[in-house]
Amino acid sequence: MSTAWDWVVPIRQKHFGEPLGGLYPLERLADGEAYWALHRAELLRHFPPEVFFNLGALSGEEGERARARLTASEGAHRLADFWAVRDGEAVVAMFSGHQRDAETYRMWHSVIHPDYRRRGLYREFLRRVLAYTRELGFDYVVSEHAPGNNAVLIAKLKAGFRIVAMDIDAATGASLNLRYFHNEAHLRVYEFRCGLATLDERLLGAGTGAMPLLLEQLRRGSGAGPDT
């Protein structure tokens, strides 16, 4: 068994060891197969049916072999977390997330039993995920949501997530893509791109490409000389 992620264990325990809401223990499931099996058995019936497409199945055996080869070539498996939240034996919520790359952790799937909503469980779990991923060293936390999923979108925006894209995925349909910036400087660059005209010496020093041309244009526009 790989030990590549052993260093994560105490950090995970630090952020997820306490019961959610002080009442509901979190159980970390072994893998995605166990996670989805539990979801189908305990929570799926509480949510409206949705249509998705298994694009992998459409790729055929040759596509499956190609994906297996690419996955094996990555080396160590990527970090993934699968959680079930219980009230006694009852499953009251499930959450999952995984590493997308060296900079990005993706919040993938979150559901709460209707009887346990409006108790702050999602808000608390979100807070723990952000603290966990910050300590692990990720720069970003991302998630994708249906454009009409106001409850989750509002919760994420209140927590500091920003809208970064609108996407139409063949498998899942339309999604609003959100990103949380752990790095404050990265957030300021994002805000500058969105029209907030605020730059500081650190951001200017990290500018590449046509940044020298932009600085020269700003100097000329202000009437300052080339050596000012």
C-alpha atoms as a PDB file:
ATOM      1  CA  MET A   1       0.000   0.000   0.000  1.00  0.00           C
ATOM      2  CA  SER A   2       1.323   3.448  -0.926  1.00  0.00           C
ATOM      3  CA  THR A   3       2.466   5.678   1.923  1.00  0.00           C
ATOM      4  CA  ALA A   4       2.704   8.805  -0.242  1.00  0.00           C
ATOM      5  CA  TRP A   5      -0.209  10.503   1.549  1.00  0.00           C
ATOM      6  CA  ASP A   6       0.599   9.480   5.133  1.00  0.00           C
ATOM      7  CA  TRP A   7       1.547  13.081   5.990  1.00  0.00           C
ATOM      8  CA  VAL A   8      -2.077  14.129   5.329  1.00  0.00           C
ATOM      9  CA  VAL A   9      -3.543  11.857   8.032  1.00  0.00           C
ATOM     10  CA  PRO A  10      -2.928  14.103  11.093  1.00  0.00           C
ATOM     11  CA  ILE A  11      -4.111  17.181   9.181  1.00  0.00           C
ATOM     12  CA  ARG A  12      -7.281  15.383   8.130  1.00  0.00           C
ATOM     13  CA  GLN A  13      -7.891  14.250  11.704  1.00  0.00           C
ATOM     14  CA  LYS A  14      -7.353  17.797  12.954  1.00  0.00           C
ATOM     15  CA  HIS A  15     -10.058  19.236  10.712  1.00  0.00           C
ATOM     16  CA  PHE A  16     -12.560  16.367  10.490  1.00  0.00           C
ATOM     17  CA  GLY A  17     -12.072  14.430  13.722  1.00  0.00           C
ATOM     18  CA  GLU A  18     -14.764  16.303  15.659  1.00  0.00           C
ATOM     19  CA  PRO A  19     -18.449  15.532  14.976  1.00  0.00           C
ATOM     20  CA  LEU A  20     -20.155  17.921  12.576  1.00  0.00           C
ATOM     21  CA  GLY A  21     -22.269  20.385  14.497  1.00  0.00           C
ATOM     22  CA  GLY A  22     -20.894  18.770  17.648  1.00  0.00           C
ATOM     23  CA  LEU A  23     -23.371  15.907  17.167  1.00  0.00           C
ATOM     24  CA  TYR A  24     -22.787  13.938  13.963  1.00  0.00           C
ATOM     25  CA  PRO A  25     -19.560  11.917  13.501  1.00  0.00           C
ATOM     26  CA  LEU A  26     -17.833  11.909  10.122  1.00  0.00           C
ATOM     27  CA  GLU A  27     -16.887   8.535   8.697  1.00  0.00           C
ATOM     28  CA  ARG A  28     -14.222   8.490   5.993  1.00  0.00           C
ATOM     29  CA  LEU A  29     -15.124   5.925   3.345  1.00  0.00           C
ATOM     30  CA  ALA A  30     -12.551   3.804   1.553  1.00  0.00           C
ATOM     31  CA  ASP A  31     -13.099   4.988  -2.013  1.00  0.00           C
ATOM     32  CA  GLY A  32     -15.532   6.306  -4.582  1.00  0.00           C
ATOM     33  CA  GLU A  33     -17.172   2.924  -5.102  1.00  0.00           C
ATOM     34  CA  ALA A  34     -18.098   2.675  -1.417  1.00  0.00           C
ATOM     35  CA  TYR A  35     -19.206   6.314  -1.382  1.00  0.00           C
ATOM     36  CA  TRP A  36     -21.615   6.017  -4.313  1.00  0.00           C
ATOM     37  CA  ALA A  37     -22.981   2.683  -3.111  1.00  0.00           C
ATOM     38  CA  LEU A  38     -23.881   4.266   0.245  1.00  0.00           C
ATOM     39  CA  HIS A  39     -25.342   7.308  -1.484  1.00  0.00           C
ATOM     40  CA  ARG A  40     -27.601   5.145  -3.657  1.00  0.00           C
ATOM     41  CA  ALA A  41     -28.741   3.111  -0.656  1.00  0.00           C
ATOM     42  CA  GLU A  42     -29.371   5.943   1.822  1.00  0.00           C
ATOM     43  CA  LEU A  43     -29.786   9.396   0.258  1.00  0.00           C
ATOM     44  CA  LEU A  44     -30.483   9.266  -3.466  1.00  0.00           C
ATOM     45  CA  ARG A  45     -34.243   8.773  -2.984  1.00  0.00           C
ATOM     46  CA  HIS A  46     -34.499  12.174  -1.265  1.00  0.00           C
ATOM     47  CA  PHE A  47     -33.386  14.096  -4.347  1.00  0.00           C
ATOM     48  CA  PRO A  48     -35.119  14.706  -7.685  1.00  0.00           C
ATOM     49  CA  PRO A  49     -33.983  12.520 -10.590  1.00  0.00           C
ATOM     50  CA  GLU A  50     -31.331  13.982 -12.884  1.00  0.00           C
ATOM     51  CA  VAL A  51     -30.078  12.888 -16.290  1.00  0.00           C
ATOM     52  CA  PHE A  52     -26.341  12.377 -16.796  1.00  0.00           C
ATOM     53  CA  PHE A  53     -24.246  10.562 -19.385  1.00  0.00           C
ATOM     54  CA  ASN A  54     -21.423   8.106 -18.774  1.00  0.00           C
ATOM     55  CA  LEU A  55     -18.966   9.382 -21.369  1.00  0.00           C
ATOM     56  CA  GLY A  56     -16.435   6.724 -20.398  1.00  0.00           C
ATOM     57  CA  ALA A  57     -18.851   4.016 -21.481  1.00  0.00           C
ATOM     58  CA  LEU A  58     -19.121   5.703 -24.870  1.00  0.00           C
ATOM     59  CA  SER A  59     -15.351   5.498 -25.350  1.00  0.00           C
ATOM     60  CA  GLY A  60     -15.372   1.700 -25.614  1.00  0.00           C
ATOM     61  CA  GLU A  61     -12.651  -0.720 -24.553  1.00  0.00           C
ATOM     62  CA  GLU A  62      -9.926   1.138 -26.410  1.00  0.00           C
ATOM     63  CA  GLY A  63     -10.770   4.344 -24.562  1.00  0.00           C
ATOM     64  CA  GLU A  64     -10.839   2.495 -21.244  1.00  0.00           C
ATOM     65  CA  ARG A  65      -7.359   1.097 -21.905  1.00  0.00           C
ATOM     66  CA  ALA A  66      -6.086   4.552 -22.822  1.00  0.00           C
ATOM     67  CA  ARG A  67      -7.428   6.083 -19.586  1.00  0.00           C
ATOM     68  CA  ALA A  68      -5.922   3.262 -17.516  1.00  0.00           C
ATOM     69  CA  ARG A  69      -2.531   3.839 -19.121  1.00  0.00           C
ATOM     70  CA  LEU A  70      -2.670   7.595 -18.486  1.00  0.00           C
ATOM     71  CA  THR A  71      -3.744   7.063 -14.876  1.00  0.00           C
ATOM     72  CA  ALA A  72      -0.923   4.570 -14.254  1.00  0.00           C
ATOM     73  CA  SER A  73       1.591   7.008 -15.723  1.00  0.00           C
ATOM     74  CA  GLU A  74       0.710   9.668 -13.155  1.00  0.00           C
ATOM     75  CA  GLY A  75       2.568   7.738 -10.485  1.00  0.00           C
ATOM     76  CA  ALA A  76       1.176   8.233  -6.988  1.00  0.00           C
ATOM     77  CA  HIS A  77      -2.607   8.320  -6.864  1.00  0.00           C
ATOM     78  CA  ARG A  78      -4.173  11.695  -6.265  1.00  0.00           C
ATOM     79  CA  LEU A  79      -5.623  12.666  -2.911  1.00  0.00           C
ATOM     80  CA  ALA A  80      -9.330  11.915  -2.513  1.00  0.00           C
ATOM     81  CA  ASP A  81     -11.699  12.215   0.462  1.00  0.00           C
ATOM     82  CA  PHE A  82     -15.097  10.520   0.859  1.00  0.00           C
ATOM     83  CA  TRP A  83     -17.186  11.311   3.934  1.00  0.00           C
ATOM     84  CA  ALA A  84     -20.430  10.037   5.409  1.00  0.00           C
ATOM     85  CA  VAL A  85     -21.987  11.936   8.323  1.00  0.00           C
ATOM     86  CA  ARG A  86     -24.106   9.851  10.684  1.00  0.00           C
ATOM     87  CA  ASP A  87     -26.693  10.326  13.354  1.00  0.00           C
ATOM     88  CA  GLY A  88     -26.435   6.939  15.012  1.00  0.00           C
ATOM     89  CA  GLU A  89     -26.865   4.502  12.115  1.00  0.00           C
ATOM     90  CA  ALA A  90     -28.642   6.984   9.870  1.00  0.00           C
ATOM     91  CA  VAL A  91     -26.669   8.720   7.122  1.00  0.00           C
ATOM     92  CA  VAL A  92     -27.546  12.410   7.326  1.00  0.00           C
ATOM     93  CA  ALA A  93     -25.039  13.876   4.855  1.00  0.00           C
ATOM     94  CA  MET A  94     -22.297  12.911   2.419  1.00  0.00           C
ATOM     95  CA  PHE A  95     -19.409  14.930   1.039  1.00  0.00           C
ATOM     96  CA  SER A  96     -16.546  14.151  -1.306  1.00  0.00           C
ATOM     97  CA  GLY A  97     -13.591  15.995  -2.780  1.00  0.00           C
ATOM     98  CA  HIS A  98     -10.314  15.311  -4.509  1.00  0.00           C
ATOM     99  CA  GLN A  99      -7.090  16.789  -5.765  1.00  0.00           C
ATOM    100  CA  ARG A 100      -7.339  18.051  -9.327  1.00  0.00           C
ATOM    101  CA  ASP A 101      -3.662  19.012  -9.651  1.00  0.00           C
ATOM    102  CA  ALA A 102      -0.774  20.321  -7.534  1.00  0.00           C
ATOM    103  CA  GLU A 103      -2.587  23.641  -6.974  1.00  0.00           C
ATOM    104  CA  THR A 104      -6.273  22.741  -6.913  1.00  0.00           C
ATOM    105  CA  TYR A 105      -8.640  20.777  -4.657  1.00  0.00           C
ATOM    106  CA  ARG A 106     -12.133  20.157  -6.032  1.00  0.00           C
ATOM    107  CA  MET A 107     -15.243  19.937  -3.869  1.00  0.00           C
ATOM    108  CA  TRP A 108     -17.045  17.325  -5.894  1.00  0.00           C
ATOM    109  CA  HIS A 109     -20.294  16.160  -4.319  1.00  0.00           C
ATOM    110  CA  SER A 110     -22.324  17.308  -1.299  1.00  0.00           C
ATOM    111  CA  VAL A 111     -25.765  16.178  -0.146  1.00  0.00           C
ATOM    112  CA  ILE A 112     -27.694  16.615   3.092  1.00  0.00           C
ATOM    113  CA  HIS A 113     -30.781  14.643   4.108  1.00  0.00           C
ATOM    114  CA  PRO A 114     -33.856  16.928   3.969  1.00  0.00           C
ATOM    115  CA  ASP A 115     -34.551  16.379   7.684  1.00  0.00           C
ATOM    116  CA  TYR A 116     -31.106  17.743   8.613  1.00  0.00           C
ATOM    117  CA  ARG A 117     -30.995  20.883   6.500  1.00  0.00           C
ATOM    118  CA  ARG A 118     -30.873  24.399   7.942  1.00  0.00           C
ATOM    119  CA  ARG A 119     -28.734  23.243  10.852  1.00  0.00           C
ATOM    120  CA  GLY A 120     -25.525  24.784   9.537  1.00  0.00           C
ATOM    121  CA  LEU A 121     -23.965  21.426   8.589  1.00  0.00           C
ATOM    122  CA  TYR A 122     -22.988  22.430   5.058  1.00  0.00           C
ATOM    123  CA  ARG A 123     -21.591  25.764   6.238  1.00  0.00           C
ATOM    124  CA  GLU A 124     -19.510  24.041   8.903  1.00  0.00           C
ATOM    125  CA  PHE A 125     -18.226  21.366   6.536  1.00  0.00           C
ATOM    126  CA  LEU A 126     -17.287  24.047   4.009  1.00  0.00           C
ATOM    127  CA  ARG A 127     -15.356  25.924   6.687  1.00  0.00           C
ATOM    128  CA  ARG A 128     -13.475  22.741   7.579  1.00  0.00           C
ATOM    129  CA  VAL A 129     -12.653  21.977   3.935  1.00  0.00           C
ATOM    130  CA  LEU A 130     -11.189  25.446   3.447  1.00  0.00           C
ATOM    131  CA  ALA A 131      -9.056  25.147   6.596  1.00  0.00           C
ATOM    132  CA  TYR A 132      -7.968  21.617   5.596  1.00  0.00           C
ATOM    133  CA  THR A 133      -6.979  22.540   2.055  1.00  0.00           C
ATOM    134  CA  ARG A 134      -5.172  25.679   3.215  1.00  0.00           C
ATOM    135  CA  GLU A 135      -3.044  23.636   5.611  1.00  0.00           C
ATOM    136  CA  LEU A 136      -2.337  21.027   2.922  1.00  0.00           C
ATOM    137  CA  GLY A 137      -0.945  23.793   0.722  1.00  0.00           C
ATOM    138  CA  PHE A 138      -3.505  24.033  -2.086  1.00  0.00           C
ATOM    139  CA  ASP A 139      -3.815  27.435  -3.771  1.00  0.00           C
ATOM    140  CA  TYR A 140      -7.424  26.959  -4.867  1.00  0.00           C
ATOM    141  CA  VAL A 141     -10.631  25.132  -3.997  1.00  0.00           C
ATOM    142  CA  VAL A 142     -13.054  24.757  -6.913  1.00  0.00           C
ATOM    143  CA  SER A 143     -16.568  23.462  -7.418  1.00  0.00           C
ATOM    144  CA  GLU A 144     -19.212  23.327 -10.130  1.00  0.00           C
ATOM    145  CA  HIS A 145     -22.941  23.773  -9.581  1.00  0.00           C
ATOM    146  CA  ALA A 146     -26.148  23.935 -11.591  1.00  0.00           C
ATOM    147  CA  PRO A 147     -26.904  27.618 -12.298  1.00  0.00           C
ATOM    148  CA  GLY A 148     -30.255  27.292 -10.494  1.00  0.00           C
ATOM    149  CA  ASN A 149     -28.827  25.776  -7.299  1.00  0.00           C
ATOM    150  CA  ASN A 150     -29.206  29.032  -5.390  1.00  0.00           C
ATOM    151  CA  ALA A 151     -28.827  27.575  -1.895  1.00  0.00           C
ATOM    152  CA  VAL A 152     -25.345  26.177  -2.522  1.00  0.00           C
ATOM    153  CA  LEU A 153     -24.221  29.061  -4.742  1.00  0.00           C
ATOM    154  CA  ILE A 154     -25.168  31.612  -2.079  1.00  0.00           C
ATOM    155  CA  ALA A 155     -23.422  29.586   0.646  1.00  0.00           C
ATOM    156  CA  LYS A 156     -20.239  29.351  -1.447  1.00  0.00           C
ATOM    157  CA  LEU A 157     -20.242  33.046  -2.384  1.00  0.00           C
ATOM    158  CA  LYS A 158     -20.778  34.028   1.256  1.00  0.00           C
ATOM    159  CA  ALA A 159     -17.763  31.872   2.152  1.00  0.00           C
ATOM    160  CA  GLY A 160     -15.582  33.818  -0.278  1.00  0.00           C
ATOM    161  CA  PHE A 161     -15.769  31.768  -3.470  1.00  0.00           C
ATOM    162  CA  ARG A 162     -15.697  33.717  -6.749  1.00  0.00           C
ATOM    163  CA  ILE A 163     -17.409  32.986 -10.057  1.00  0.00           C
ATOM    164  CA  VAL A 164     -14.777  32.136 -12.676  1.00  0.00           C
ATOM    165  CA  ALA A 165     -16.605  30.469 -15.578  1.00  0.00           C
ATOM    166  CA  MET A 166     -19.788  29.109 -17.067  1.00  0.00           C
ATOM    167  CA  ASP A 167     -19.394  25.645 -18.538  1.00  0.00           C
ATOM    168  CA  ILE A 168     -21.544  23.207 -20.483  1.00  0.00           C
ATOM    169  CA  ASP A 169     -20.322  19.667 -19.928  1.00  0.00           C
ATOM    170  CA  ALA A 170     -21.607  16.906 -22.167  1.00  0.00           C
ATOM    171  CA  ALA A 171     -21.994  14.542 -19.204  1.00  0.00           C
ATOM    172  CA  THR A 172     -23.566  16.783 -16.562  1.00  0.00           C
ATOM    173  CA  GLY A 173     -24.975  19.804 -18.406  1.00  0.00           C
ATOM    174  CA  ALA A 174     -24.619  23.496 -17.521  1.00  0.00           C
ATOM    175  CA  SER A 175     -22.462  24.441 -14.528  1.00  0.00           C
ATOM    176  CA  LEU A 176     -21.398  27.632 -12.833  1.00  0.00           C
ATOM    177  CA  ASN A 177     -17.740  27.252 -11.862  1.00  0.00           C
ATOM    178  CA  LEU A 178     -16.581  28.710  -8.553  1.00  0.00           C
ATOM    179  CA  ARG A 179     -13.093  29.145  -7.108  1.00  0.00           C
ATOM    180  CA  TYR A 180     -11.801  29.984  -3.645  1.00  0.00           C
ATOM    181  CA  PHE A 181      -8.400  31.688  -3.534  1.00  0.00           C
ATOM    182  CA  HIS A 182      -6.248  30.735  -0.553  1.00  0.00           C
ATOM    183  CA  ASN A 183      -3.516  33.045  -1.871  1.00  0.00           C
ATOM    184  CA  GLU A 184      -4.553  36.659  -1.296  1.00  0.00           C
ATOM    185  CA  ALA A 185      -2.272  37.911  -4.079  1.00  0.00           C
ATOM    186  CA  HIS A 186      -3.924  35.510  -6.543  1.00  0.00           C
ATOM    187  CA  LEU A 187      -7.307  36.894  -5.476  1.00  0.00           C
ATOM    188  CA  ARG A 188      -6.143  40.457  -6.149  1.00  0.00           C
ATOM    189  CA  VAL A 189      -4.990  39.447  -9.636  1.00  0.00           C
ATOM    190  CA  TYR A 190      -8.445  37.902 -10.240  1.00  0.00           C
ATOM    191  CA  GLU A 191     -10.114  41.104  -9.054  1.00  0.00           C
ATOM    192  CA  PHE A 192      -7.899  43.183 -11.329  1.00  0.00           C
ATOM    193  CA  ARG A 193      -8.939  41.004 -14.277  1.00  0.00           C
ATOM    194  CA  CYS A 194     -12.567  41.634 -13.295  1.00  0.00           C
ATOM    195  CA  GLY A 195     -12.089  45.401 -13.516  1.00  0.00           C
ATOM    196  CA  LEU A 196     -10.861  46.378 -10.036  1.00  0.00           C
ATOM    197  CA  ALA A 197      -7.953  48.622 -11.059  1.00  0.00           C
ATOM    198  CA  THR A 198      -5.730  47.991  -8.058  1.00  0.00           C
ATOM    199  CA  LEU A 199      -2.135  46.812  -8.406  1.00  0.00           C
ATOM    200  CA  ASP A 200       0.732  46.864  -5.932  1.00  0.00           C
ATOM    201  CA  GLU A 201       4.482  46.383  -6.234  1.00  0.00           C
ATOM    202  CA  ARG A 202       4.239  42.631  -5.616  1.00  0.00           C
ATOM    203  CA  LEU A 203       1.715  42.117  -8.407  1.00  0.00           C
ATOM    204  CA  LEU A 204       3.624  44.411 -10.778  1.00  0.00           C
ATOM    205  CA  GLY A 205       6.817  42.500 -10.034  1.00  0.00           C
ATOM    206  CA  ALA A 206       5.114  39.215 -10.909  1.00  0.00           C
ATOM    207  CA  GLY A 207       3.774  40.549 -14.210  1.00  0.00           C
ATOM    208  CA  THR A 208       4.964  38.766 -17.353  1.00  0.00           C
ATOM    209  CA  GLY A 209       4.316  39.010 -21.066  1.00  0.00           C
ATOM    210  CA  ALA A 210       3.389  42.580 -22.020  1.00  0.00           C
ATOM    211  CA  MET A 211       3.623  43.960 -18.457  1.00  0.00           C
ATOM    212  CA  PRO A 212       6.590  46.243 -19.356  1.00  0.00           C
ATOM    213  CA  LEU A 213       4.533  47.682 -22.222  1.00  0.00           C
ATOM    214  CA  LEU A 214       1.557  48.255 -19.902  1.00  0.00           C
ATOM    215  CA  LEU A 215       3.774  50.047 -17.367  1.00  0.00           C
ATOM    216  CA  GLU A 216       5.241  52.219 -20.082  1.00  0.00           C
ATOM    217  CA  GLN A 217       1.757  53.111 -21.334  1.00  0.00           C
ATOM    218  CA  LEU A 218       0.686  54.034 -17.793  1.00  0.00           C
ATOM    219  CA  ARG A 219       3.762  56.222 -17.375  1.00  0.00           C
ATOM    220  CA  ARG A 220       3.074  58.017 -20.664  1.00  0.00           C
ATOM    221  CA  GLY A 221      -0.592  58.439 -19.753  1.00  0.00           C
ATOM    222  CA  SER A 222       0.297  60.012 -16.417  1.00  0.00           C
ATOM    223  CA  GLY A 223       2.775  62.393 -18.046  1.00  0.00           C
ATOM    224  CA  ALA A 224       5.684  60.865 -16.143  1.00  0.00           C
ATOM    225  CA  GLY A 225       9.030  60.593 -17.868  1.00  0.00           C
ATOM    226  CA  PRO A 226      10.586  57.204 -18.765  1.00  0.00           C
ATOM    227  CA  ASP A 227      12.860  57.284 -15.733  1.00  0.00           C
ATOM    228  CA  THR A 228      10.240  58.404 -13.218  1.00  0.00           C
END
